[in-house]
Protein backbone atom coordinates (compact mmCIF):
# COMPACT_ATOMS: atom_id res chain seq x y z
CA UNK A 1 12.26 35.98 102.61
CA UNK A 2 13.89 39.34 101.93
CA UNK A 3 12.53 40.69 105.20
CA UNK A 4 14.08 37.85 107.14
CA UNK A 5 17.46 38.45 105.47
CA UNK A 6 17.23 42.16 106.26
CA UNK A 7 16.43 41.38 109.88
CA UNK A 8 19.43 39.06 110.11
CA UNK A 9 21.68 41.69 108.52
CA UNK A 10 20.44 44.30 110.95
CA UNK A 11 20.91 41.88 113.86
CA UNK A 12 24.53 41.45 112.79
CA UNK A 13 24.91 45.24 112.59
CA UNK A 14 23.35 45.64 116.03
CA UNK A 15 26.14 43.67 117.68
CA UNK A 16 29.24 44.85 115.84
CA UNK A 17 31.20 47.88 117.11
CA UNK A 18 29.69 51.17 115.89
CA UNK A 19 32.87 52.17 114.06
CA UNK A 20 32.35 49.23 111.65
CA UNK A 21 28.67 49.92 110.92
CA UNK A 22 29.61 52.47 108.24
CA UNK A 23 30.94 49.62 106.10
CA UNK A 24 27.50 47.95 106.02
CA UNK A 25 25.10 50.90 106.03
CA UNK A 26 25.84 54.04 104.05
CA UNK A 27 25.05 57.39 105.68
CA UNK A 28 21.86 58.99 104.38
CA UNK A 29 20.06 62.32 104.55
CA UNK A 30 16.82 61.12 106.15
CA UNK A 31 14.89 58.11 107.41
CA UNK A 32 11.19 57.34 107.55
CA UNK A 33 10.12 55.33 110.55
CA UNK A 34 7.10 53.13 109.86
CA UNK A 35 5.20 50.59 111.93
CA UNK A 36 2.38 48.09 111.34
CA UNK A 37 -1.14 49.34 112.03
CA UNK A 38 -2.10 46.03 113.63
CA UNK A 39 -1.16 42.35 113.56
CA UNK A 40 -2.70 41.88 110.11
CA UNK A 41 0.04 44.13 108.68
CA UNK A 42 2.62 42.03 110.50
CA UNK A 43 1.15 38.87 108.99
CA UNK A 44 1.47 40.32 105.49
CA UNK A 45 5.21 40.72 106.01
CA UNK A 46 5.71 37.49 108.00
CA UNK A 47 3.01 35.03 106.81
CA UNK A 48 4.51 32.11 108.75
CA UNK A 49 3.23 33.76 111.97
CA UNK A 50 -0.43 33.29 110.97
CA UNK A 51 -0.63 29.97 112.80
CA UNK A 52 0.23 31.58 116.12
CA UNK A 53 -2.14 33.26 118.60
CA UNK A 54 -2.50 37.07 118.53
CA UNK A 55 -0.80 37.55 121.91
CA UNK A 56 2.21 35.53 120.80
CA UNK A 57 2.48 37.58 117.59
CA UNK A 58 2.48 40.75 119.69
CA UNK A 59 5.22 39.31 121.88
CA UNK A 60 7.33 38.31 118.88
CA UNK A 61 6.98 41.73 117.25
CA UNK A 62 7.97 43.40 120.50
CA UNK A 63 11.20 41.39 120.46
CA UNK A 64 12.14 42.11 116.84
CA UNK A 65 14.51 45.06 116.49
CA UNK A 66 14.01 47.80 113.88
CA UNK A 67 15.26 46.95 110.41
CA UNK A 68 15.80 48.73 107.10
CA UNK A 69 13.00 47.87 104.71
CA UNK A 70 14.31 49.74 101.69
CA UNK A 71 16.34 52.68 100.52
CA UNK A 72 14.84 55.76 98.91
CA UNK A 73 16.53 58.31 96.67
CA UNK A 74 15.65 61.26 94.47
CA UNK A 75 15.80 60.99 90.69
CA UNK A 76 19.38 62.23 90.47
CA UNK A 77 20.48 60.60 93.76
CA UNK A 78 21.14 63.94 95.46
CA UNK A 79 19.02 62.96 98.47
CA UNK A 80 19.10 59.43 99.89
CA UNK A 81 17.26 57.85 102.78
CA UNK A 82 15.95 54.66 104.35
CA UNK A 83 12.55 53.31 105.27
CA UNK A 84 13.05 51.81 108.73
CA UNK A 85 10.44 49.44 110.19
CA UNK A 86 9.78 49.50 113.90
CA UNK A 87 7.67 46.33 114.23
CA UNK A 88 5.59 47.60 117.15
CA UNK A 89 1.84 48.02 116.75
CA UNK A 90 0.17 51.19 118.08
CA UNK A 91 -1.15 49.23 121.09
CA UNK A 92 2.36 48.23 122.11
CA UNK A 93 3.69 51.73 121.39
CA UNK A 94 1.07 53.30 123.67
CA UNK A 95 1.55 50.78 126.48
CA UNK A 96 5.33 50.38 126.42
CA UNK A 97 6.98 53.77 125.89
CA UNK A 98 10.29 52.50 127.27
CA UNK A 99 10.44 49.76 124.61
CA UNK A 100 9.68 52.32 121.89
CA UNK A 101 12.46 54.62 123.09
CA UNK A 102 14.87 51.69 123.14
CA UNK A 103 13.92 50.80 119.54
CA UNK A 104 14.37 54.29 118.10
CA UNK A 105 17.45 55.46 119.96
CA UNK A 106 20.48 56.21 117.83
């Protein structure tokens, strides 16, 4: 459920003017970009997709935008960052470079 709420928050952020984004996401020092290894990783995060065919799951994950999974900080909060999920599997990444670039552009 938390993942779905994060996706909705990030969808909202995607469509507001960039000058207002700073009120919803604090600036950080770094970000880790992660992606699922295959559709089984996707199903762990979104179990309601398990009833759908593999090709449909791949299509759905290609349409989901990147979202912030969690924040990371050092012990004394001097360095802060985000773990950002790009929900594309390696197969999609290798076949659709344009989609990948669109997902990771700043």
